[in-house]
């Protein structure tokens, strides 16, 4: 009986989990930075939107 299939499957699962452990935190940090930048620029966008709406009203 050969365990080749089992060993290859175990290595494949290990590689997938290792890749996920590498990528997941980076994706979470990227998403958090995007949200923080959005929150930081929101007041400026709101202020610009208020000015624009005042200019367009009659």
Protein backbone atom coordinates (compact mmCIF):
# COMPACT_ATOMS: atom_id res chain seq x y z
CA UNK A 1 0.00 0.00 0.00
CA UNK A 2 1.34 3.39 -0.96
CA UNK A 3 0.75 6.56 1.00
CA UNK A 4 1.72 8.85 -1.87
CA UNK A 5 -1.79 10.24 -2.36
CA UNK A 6 -2.21 10.95 1.33
CA UNK A 7 1.16 12.68 1.58
CA UNK A 8 0.51 14.81 -1.52
CA UNK A 9 -2.93 15.79 -0.20
CA UNK A 10 -1.44 16.70 3.18
CA UNK A 11 1.19 18.90 1.53
CA UNK A 12 -1.48 20.54 -0.64
CA UNK A 13 -3.63 21.34 2.39
CA UNK A 14 -0.56 22.67 4.21
CA UNK A 15 0.29 24.94 1.26
CA UNK A 16 -3.27 26.30 1.08
CA UNK A 17 -3.38 27.01 4.82
CA UNK A 18 0.07 28.60 4.72
CA UNK A 19 -0.98 30.85 1.83
CA UNK A 20 -4.18 31.83 3.67
CA UNK A 21 -2.22 32.63 6.83
CA UNK A 22 0.01 34.88 4.75
CA UNK A 23 -2.71 36.67 2.79
CA UNK A 24 -5.51 37.05 5.32
CA UNK A 25 -3.82 39.57 7.66
CA UNK A 26 -2.62 41.62 4.71
CA UNK A 27 -6.13 41.82 3.29
CA UNK A 28 -7.51 42.82 6.69
CA UNK A 29 -4.91 45.57 7.08
CA UNK A 30 -5.60 46.83 3.57
CA UNK A 31 -9.33 46.97 4.30
CA UNK A 32 -8.79 48.74 7.63
CA UNK A 33 -6.54 51.35 5.99
CA UNK A 34 -9.14 51.94 3.28
CA UNK A 35 -11.84 52.47 5.92
CA UNK A 36 -9.60 54.79 7.95
CA UNK A 37 -8.77 56.90 4.89
CA UNK A 38 -12.44 57.07 4.02
CA UNK A 39 -13.33 58.22 7.53
CA UNK A 40 -10.52 60.80 7.48
CA UNK A 41 -11.71 62.36 4.24
CA UNK A 42 -15.45 62.15 4.99
CA UNK A 43 -15.70 65.57 6.74
CA UNK A 44 -13.96 67.28 3.84
CA UNK A 45 -16.24 65.57 1.35
CA UNK A 46 -19.29 66.52 3.39
CA UNK A 47 -18.13 70.13 3.61
CA UNK A 48 -17.50 70.25 -0.12
CA UNK A 49 -20.91 68.71 -0.73
CA UNK A 50 -22.59 71.30 1.50
CA UNK A 51 -20.92 74.17 -0.34
CA UNK A 52 -21.90 72.74 -3.69
CA UNK A 53 -25.50 72.25 -2.65
CA UNK A 54 -25.73 75.85 -1.39
CA UNK A 55 -24.44 77.18 -4.67
CA UNK A 56 -26.92 75.18 -6.69
CA UNK A 57 -30.05 76.10 -4.72
CA UNK A 58 -32.20 78.91 -6.00
